[in-house]
N, C-alpha and C. Protein backbone atom coordinates (compact mmCIF):
# COMPACT_ATOMS: atom_id res chain seq x y z
N MET A 1 -12.38 -9.51 -1.21
CA MET A 1 -13.35 -9.07 -0.31
C MET A 1 -12.92 -8.07 0.67
N VAL A 2 -13.70 -7.11 0.92
CA VAL A 2 -13.37 -5.88 1.67
C VAL A 2 -13.22 -6.20 3.20
N ALA A 3 -12.60 -5.36 3.91
CA ALA A 3 -12.48 -5.45 5.32
C ALA A 3 -13.93 -5.52 6.01
N SER A 4 -13.98 -6.40 6.94
CA SER A 4 -15.13 -6.40 8.02
C SER A 4 -15.16 -5.08 8.73
N ASP A 5 -16.35 -4.62 9.17
CA ASP A 5 -16.38 -3.49 9.93
C ASP A 5 -15.53 -3.49 11.14
N ALA A 6 -15.49 -4.69 11.85
CA ALA A 6 -14.71 -4.94 13.09
C ALA A 6 -13.12 -4.82 12.77
N PHE A 7 -12.77 -5.35 11.55
CA PHE A 7 -11.32 -5.59 11.38
C PHE A 7 -10.89 -4.04 10.88
N ALA A 8 -11.87 -3.33 10.26
CA ALA A 8 -11.56 -1.98 9.88
C ALA A 8 -11.37 -1.03 10.92
N GLU A 9 -12.15 -1.17 12.01
CA GLU A 9 -12.03 -0.35 13.19
C GLU A 9 -10.92 -0.68 13.94
N PHE A 10 -10.55 -2.12 13.94
CA PHE A 10 -9.28 -2.49 14.62
C PHE A 10 -8.03 -1.90 13.93
N LEU A 11 -8.10 -1.86 12.63
CA LEU A 11 -6.87 -1.28 12.00
C LEU A 11 -6.89 0.30 12.36
N ARG A 12 -8.09 1.00 12.14
CA ARG A 12 -8.03 2.35 12.46
C ARG A 12 -7.32 2.65 13.91
N GLU A 13 -7.72 1.91 14.90
CA GLU A 13 -7.13 1.99 16.24
C GLU A 13 -5.64 1.79 16.27
N GLN A 14 -5.11 0.68 15.51
CA GLN A 14 -3.68 0.32 15.55
C GLN A 14 -3.12 1.39 14.88
N LEU A 15 -3.57 1.98 13.79
CA LEU A 15 -2.71 2.87 12.92
C LEU A 15 -2.87 4.45 13.30
N ALA A 16 -3.66 4.67 14.37
CA ALA A 16 -3.95 6.07 14.79
C ALA A 16 -2.79 6.79 15.01
N PRO A 17 -1.66 6.19 15.57
CA PRO A 17 -0.33 6.95 15.85
C PRO A 17 0.26 7.55 14.49
N LEU A 18 -0.11 6.99 13.45
CA LEU A 18 0.41 7.40 12.09
C LEU A 18 -0.32 8.92 11.54
N GLY A 19 -1.65 8.89 11.81
CA GLY A 19 -2.16 10.19 11.31
C GLY A 19 -3.69 9.74 11.08
N HIS A 20 -4.47 10.48 10.32
CA HIS A 20 -5.81 10.10 10.01
C HIS A 20 -6.07 9.02 9.02
N VAL A 21 -6.60 7.86 9.55
CA VAL A 21 -6.64 6.67 8.71
C VAL A 21 -8.06 6.44 8.20
N THR A 22 -8.02 6.32 6.93
CA THR A 22 -9.49 6.07 6.24
C THR A 22 -9.25 4.79 5.34
N MET A 23 -10.47 4.13 5.13
CA MET A 23 -10.50 3.05 4.19
C MET A 23 -11.56 3.16 2.97
N ARG A 24 -11.13 2.75 1.84
CA ARG A 24 -12.05 3.00 0.76
C ARG A 24 -11.98 1.64 -0.07
N ARG A 25 -13.21 1.19 -0.57
CA ARG A 25 -13.27 0.10 -1.53
C ARG A 25 -12.50 0.32 -2.77
N MET A 26 -11.71 -0.68 -3.14
CA MET A 26 -10.96 -0.41 -4.39
C MET A 26 -10.90 -1.95 -4.88
N PHE A 27 -11.48 -2.29 -6.04
CA PHE A 27 -11.23 -3.44 -6.79
C PHE A 27 -11.56 -4.71 -5.91
N GLY A 28 -12.59 -4.58 -5.20
CA GLY A 28 -13.22 -5.64 -4.32
C GLY A 28 -12.46 -5.79 -3.11
N LYS A 29 -11.53 -4.83 -2.73
CA LYS A 29 -10.67 -4.91 -1.59
C LYS A 29 -10.81 -3.58 -0.79
N SER A 30 -10.15 -3.30 0.21
CA SER A 30 -10.09 -2.05 0.92
C SER A 30 -8.76 -1.49 0.88
N GLY A 31 -8.78 -0.25 0.41
CA GLY A 31 -7.41 0.46 0.58
C GLY A 31 -7.39 1.12 1.77
N VAL A 32 -6.22 1.10 2.38
CA VAL A 32 -5.95 1.72 3.72
C VAL A 32 -5.09 3.01 3.45
N PHE A 33 -5.63 4.14 3.86
CA PHE A 33 -4.96 5.40 3.62
C PHE A 33 -4.66 6.10 4.91
N CYS A 34 -3.51 6.80 4.94
CA CYS A 34 -3.26 7.69 6.01
C CYS A 34 -2.97 8.98 5.48
N ASP A 35 -3.76 10.00 5.87
CA ASP A 35 -3.61 11.35 5.60
C ASP A 35 -3.69 11.37 3.93
N GLY A 36 -4.44 10.57 3.42
CA GLY A 36 -4.75 10.51 1.85
C GLY A 36 -3.63 9.72 1.14
N VAL A 37 -2.69 9.08 1.77
CA VAL A 37 -1.71 8.23 0.98
C VAL A 37 -1.93 6.82 1.30
N MET A 38 -2.07 6.03 0.26
CA MET A 38 -2.34 4.57 0.54
C MET A 38 -1.22 3.81 0.88
N LEU A 39 -1.22 3.27 2.30
CA LEU A 39 -0.07 2.42 2.82
C LEU A 39 -0.45 1.05 2.81
N GLY A 40 -1.74 0.63 2.44
CA GLY A 40 -1.93 -0.92 2.58
C GLY A 40 -3.16 -1.17 1.89
N MET A 41 -3.51 -2.37 1.85
CA MET A 41 -4.78 -2.90 1.36
C MET A 41 -5.19 -4.05 2.44
N VAL A 42 -6.58 -4.35 2.27
CA VAL A 42 -7.14 -5.55 2.96
C VAL A 42 -7.98 -6.20 2.11
N THR A 43 -7.70 -7.54 2.17
CA THR A 43 -8.62 -8.46 1.48
C THR A 43 -9.02 -9.56 2.48
N ASP A 44 -10.16 -10.15 2.73
CA ASP A 44 -10.47 -11.15 3.57
C ASP A 44 -9.83 -10.99 4.89
N ASN A 45 -9.97 -9.68 5.32
CA ASN A 45 -9.41 -9.37 6.73
C ASN A 45 -7.97 -9.67 6.83
N THR A 46 -7.18 -9.76 5.90
CA THR A 46 -5.71 -9.86 5.84
C THR A 46 -5.29 -8.48 5.42
N PHE A 47 -4.21 -7.99 6.17
CA PHE A 47 -3.61 -6.65 6.01
C PHE A 47 -2.34 -6.87 5.20
N TYR A 48 -2.26 -6.17 4.14
CA TYR A 48 -1.11 -6.03 3.29
C TYR A 48 -0.47 -4.54 3.39
N VAL A 49 0.77 -4.45 3.49
CA VAL A 49 1.47 -3.15 3.50
C VAL A 49 2.31 -2.93 2.33
N ARG A 50 2.46 -1.66 2.01
CA ARG A 50 3.24 -1.23 0.75
C ARG A 50 4.68 -1.55 1.02
N VAL A 51 5.35 -2.17 -0.08
CA VAL A 51 6.77 -2.44 0.00
C VAL A 51 7.46 -1.85 -1.19
N ASP A 52 8.64 -1.48 -1.00
CA ASP A 52 9.42 -0.74 -2.18
C ASP A 52 10.84 -1.46 -1.78
N GLU A 53 11.86 -0.84 -2.63
CA GLU A 53 13.21 -1.31 -2.70
C GLU A 53 13.93 -0.84 -1.32
N GLN A 54 13.49 0.41 -0.72
CA GLN A 54 14.16 0.93 0.44
C GLN A 54 13.59 0.33 1.83
N ASN A 55 12.42 -0.30 1.69
CA ASN A 55 11.94 -1.03 2.89
C ASN A 55 11.71 -2.53 2.78
N ARG A 56 12.12 -3.08 1.81
CA ARG A 56 12.04 -4.47 1.49
C ARG A 56 12.79 -5.21 2.57
N GLU A 57 13.96 -4.77 3.00
CA GLU A 57 14.87 -5.52 4.03
C GLU A 57 14.03 -5.54 5.33
N THR A 58 13.36 -4.44 5.68
CA THR A 58 12.58 -4.55 6.92
C THR A 58 11.48 -5.42 6.74
N PHE A 59 10.84 -5.65 5.75
CA PHE A 59 9.82 -6.64 5.70
C PHE A 59 10.23 -8.01 5.18
N LYS A 60 11.43 -8.44 5.26
CA LYS A 60 11.79 -9.66 4.85
C LYS A 60 10.97 -10.85 5.40
N GLU A 61 10.67 -10.78 6.59
CA GLU A 61 9.71 -11.71 7.37
C GLU A 61 8.42 -11.82 6.62
N ALA A 62 8.01 -10.83 5.83
CA ALA A 62 6.69 -10.86 5.19
C ALA A 62 6.83 -11.53 3.84
N ALA A 63 7.97 -11.62 3.37
CA ALA A 63 8.28 -12.18 2.02
C ALA A 63 8.07 -13.79 1.94
N SER A 64 7.92 -14.41 3.15
CA SER A 64 7.51 -15.80 3.10
C SER A 64 6.17 -16.14 2.64
N SER A 65 5.25 -14.99 2.76
CA SER A 65 3.82 -15.10 2.29
C SER A 65 3.73 -14.58 0.83
N PRO A 66 2.88 -15.06 0.03
CA PRO A 66 2.73 -14.43 -1.34
C PRO A 66 2.35 -13.00 -1.31
N PRO A 67 2.75 -12.14 -2.01
CA PRO A 67 2.27 -10.72 -2.08
C PRO A 67 0.77 -10.66 -2.49
N LEU A 68 0.18 -9.63 -2.21
CA LEU A 68 -1.25 -9.40 -2.78
C LEU A 68 -1.10 -9.42 -4.29
N ASN A 69 -2.06 -10.13 -5.06
CA ASN A 69 -1.92 -10.27 -6.37
C ASN A 69 -3.29 -10.57 -6.94
N TYR A 70 -3.26 -10.48 -8.25
CA TYR A 70 -4.54 -10.68 -9.07
C TYR A 70 -4.28 -11.29 -10.31
N ALA A 71 -5.28 -11.97 -11.01
CA ALA A 71 -5.15 -12.72 -12.18
C ALA A 71 -5.49 -11.87 -13.33
N LYS A 72 -4.77 -11.82 -14.38
CA LYS A 72 -5.04 -11.05 -15.52
C LYS A 72 -4.52 -11.90 -16.77
N ARG A 73 -5.42 -12.26 -17.53
CA ARG A 73 -5.22 -12.99 -18.96
C ARG A 73 -4.46 -14.17 -18.65
N GLY A 74 -4.83 -15.00 -17.60
CA GLY A 74 -4.06 -16.34 -17.37
C GLY A 74 -2.78 -16.22 -16.56
N HIS A 75 -2.41 -14.84 -16.20
CA HIS A 75 -1.15 -14.73 -15.42
C HIS A 75 -1.49 -14.16 -14.09
N THR A 76 -0.65 -14.39 -13.19
CA THR A 76 -0.67 -13.77 -11.79
C THR A 76 0.19 -12.51 -11.85
N ILE A 77 -0.37 -11.40 -11.40
CA ILE A 77 0.22 -10.16 -11.25
C ILE A 77 0.46 -9.87 -9.74
N ASP A 78 1.74 -9.96 -9.41
CA ASP A 78 2.00 -9.47 -8.05
C ASP A 78 1.93 -8.03 -7.86
N LEU A 79 1.45 -7.52 -6.54
CA LEU A 79 1.42 -6.15 -6.28
C LEU A 79 2.55 -5.92 -5.27
N ALA A 80 2.83 -4.60 -5.05
CA ALA A 80 3.86 -4.14 -4.12
C ALA A 80 3.28 -4.10 -2.58
N PHE A 81 2.36 -5.08 -2.38
CA PHE A 81 1.86 -5.06 -0.95
C PHE A 81 2.07 -6.47 -0.49
N TRP A 82 2.79 -6.51 0.72
CA TRP A 82 3.08 -7.83 1.39
C TRP A 82 2.33 -7.99 2.68
N ARG A 83 2.06 -9.23 2.89
CA ARG A 83 1.10 -9.54 4.16
C ARG A 83 1.84 -9.23 5.45
N MET A 84 1.17 -8.55 6.27
CA MET A 84 1.68 -8.17 7.58
C MET A 84 1.55 -9.60 8.38
N PRO A 85 2.61 -9.92 8.90
CA PRO A 85 2.76 -11.11 9.80
C PRO A 85 1.74 -11.02 10.97
N ASP A 86 1.02 -11.95 11.19
CA ASP A 86 -0.11 -12.15 12.17
C ASP A 86 0.35 -11.78 13.48
N ARG A 87 1.70 -12.24 13.88
CA ARG A 87 2.15 -12.01 15.11
C ARG A 87 2.22 -10.50 15.60
N LEU A 88 2.43 -9.59 14.52
CA LEU A 88 2.54 -8.14 14.71
C LEU A 88 1.27 -7.38 15.48
N PHE A 89 0.11 -8.22 15.23
CA PHE A 89 -1.15 -7.73 15.74
C PHE A 89 -1.03 -7.84 17.12
N ASP A 90 -0.17 -8.66 17.84
CA ASP A 90 -0.02 -8.64 19.42
C ASP A 90 1.16 -7.84 19.75
N GLU A 91 1.94 -7.25 18.77
CA GLU A 91 3.12 -6.45 19.11
C GLU A 91 2.75 -4.96 18.56
N PRO A 92 2.02 -4.08 19.32
CA PRO A 92 1.62 -2.75 18.85
C PRO A 92 2.80 -2.03 18.49
N ASP A 93 3.94 -1.84 19.21
CA ASP A 93 5.13 -1.06 18.85
C ASP A 93 5.83 -1.58 17.46
N GLU A 94 5.80 -2.88 17.27
CA GLU A 94 6.47 -3.24 16.11
C GLU A 94 5.54 -3.16 14.95
N PHE A 95 4.19 -3.30 15.25
CA PHE A 95 3.25 -3.04 14.15
C PHE A 95 3.28 -1.67 13.75
N VAL A 96 3.30 -0.71 14.63
CA VAL A 96 3.42 0.78 14.25
C VAL A 96 4.75 1.01 13.42
N ALA A 97 5.91 0.32 13.82
CA ALA A 97 7.14 0.52 13.14
C ALA A 97 7.09 -0.03 11.65
N TRP A 98 6.32 -1.11 11.56
CA TRP A 98 6.23 -1.64 10.22
C TRP A 98 5.41 -0.70 9.30
N THR A 99 4.17 -0.31 9.80
CA THR A 99 3.42 0.56 9.12
C THR A 99 3.95 1.86 8.81
N GLN A 100 4.73 2.49 9.74
CA GLN A 100 5.59 3.55 9.35
C GLN A 100 6.40 3.45 8.11
N ALA A 101 7.17 2.34 8.12
CA ALA A 101 7.96 2.06 6.92
C ALA A 101 7.00 1.87 5.68
N ALA A 102 5.93 1.33 5.86
CA ALA A 102 5.00 1.27 4.79
C ALA A 102 4.47 2.54 4.21
N LEU A 103 4.38 3.40 5.13
CA LEU A 103 3.73 4.84 4.86
C LEU A 103 4.83 5.64 4.21
N ALA A 104 6.15 5.42 4.60
CA ALA A 104 7.21 6.11 3.99
C ALA A 104 7.33 5.64 2.61
N ALA A 105 7.11 4.24 2.24
CA ALA A 105 7.08 3.78 0.80
C ALA A 105 6.10 4.34 0.06
N ALA A 106 4.70 4.57 0.62
CA ALA A 106 3.75 5.11 0.09
C ALA A 106 3.93 6.47 -0.48
N HIS A 107 4.63 7.24 0.47
CA HIS A 107 5.03 8.64 0.20
C HIS A 107 5.81 8.66 -0.92
N ARG A 108 6.99 7.80 -0.96
CA ARG A 108 7.93 7.72 -2.27
C ARG A 108 7.13 7.51 -3.54
N VAL A 109 6.24 6.45 -3.42
CA VAL A 109 5.51 6.09 -4.58
C VAL A 109 4.57 7.44 -4.97
N ALA A 110 4.09 8.10 -4.15
CA ALA A 110 3.14 9.27 -4.46
C ALA A 110 3.95 10.39 -4.95
N ALA A 111 5.16 10.52 -4.42
CA ALA A 111 6.06 11.55 -5.07
C ALA A 111 6.55 11.24 -6.44
N LYS A 112 6.78 10.06 -6.84
CA LYS A 112 7.03 9.59 -8.19
C LYS A 112 5.92 9.92 -9.09
N ARG A 113 4.74 9.68 -8.53
CA ARG A 113 3.63 9.95 -9.53
C ARG A 113 3.31 11.41 -9.62
N ASP A 114 3.70 12.40 -8.76
CA ASP A 114 3.39 13.71 -8.71
C ASP A 114 4.36 14.47 -9.35
N ARG A 115 5.57 13.93 -9.75
CA ARG A 115 6.42 14.52 -10.66
C ARG A 115 5.97 15.04 -11.77
N PRO A 116 6.33 16.33 -12.24
CA PRO A 116 5.72 16.63 -13.51
C PRO A 116 6.50 16.05 -14.68
N SER A 117 5.77 15.76 -15.61
CA SER A 117 6.40 14.97 -16.81
C SER A 117 7.05 16.09 -17.57
N PRO A 118 8.15 15.69 -18.42
CA PRO A 118 9.02 16.65 -19.16
C PRO A 118 8.13 17.23 -20.06
N PRO A 119 8.53 18.57 -20.39
CA PRO A 119 7.72 19.35 -21.39
C PRO A 119 7.71 18.76 -22.65
N LYS A 120 6.53 18.84 -23.36
CA LYS A 120 6.42 18.21 -24.73
C LYS A 120 7.06 19.19 -25.69
N ARG A 121 7.78 18.52 -26.50
CA ARG A 121 8.47 19.33 -27.63
C ARG A 121 7.41 19.79 -28.58
N LYS A 122 7.42 21.08 -28.96
CA LYS A 122 6.40 21.52 -29.99
C LYS A 122 7.04 21.23 -31.37
N THR A 123 6.17 20.63 -32.22
CA THR A 123 6.68 20.40 -33.55
C THR A 123 6.48 21.60 -34.43
N PRO A 124 7.58 22.02 -34.98
CA PRO A 124 7.29 23.19 -35.84
C PRO A 124 6.33 22.91 -37.00
N ALA A 125 5.48 23.89 -37.32
CA ALA A 125 4.48 23.83 -38.27
C ALA A 125 5.14 23.73 -39.69
N ARG A 126 4.67 22.85 -40.52
CA ARG A 126 5.08 22.74 -41.78
C ARG A 126 4.59 23.79 -42.79
N SER A 127 5.52 24.25 -43.70
CA SER A 127 5.09 25.20 -44.74
C SER A 127 4.61 24.37 -45.89
N ARG A 128 3.58 24.95 -46.58
CA ARG A 128 3.07 24.19 -47.87
C ARG A 128 3.58 25.08 -48.84
């Protein structure tokens, strides 16, 4: 379920120190973007932030909740988005610190995707 209008507005206000925040429907959820980079997702008004190897230690408190996931062919697929602890909504400075770490992870993921793939080797034409 996508974010309610009220929750989306709340997140935009909380995330404003990071940059231009937008939300877009994605797979029945809301993707949370900052300056065009996806740092989180919302489902059922629950905010999940991007996690990678470099910020996993920062987010160890969030590891106690299951990550954002979906079912596929009878299996559960965990995504690299962990639930933001509810207590952080009352701690604006810590909330921003967590989201900055999530945005940094999002930039690292985007950089990996933007890397040019190695050039394809041309196969020599065969003579007949």
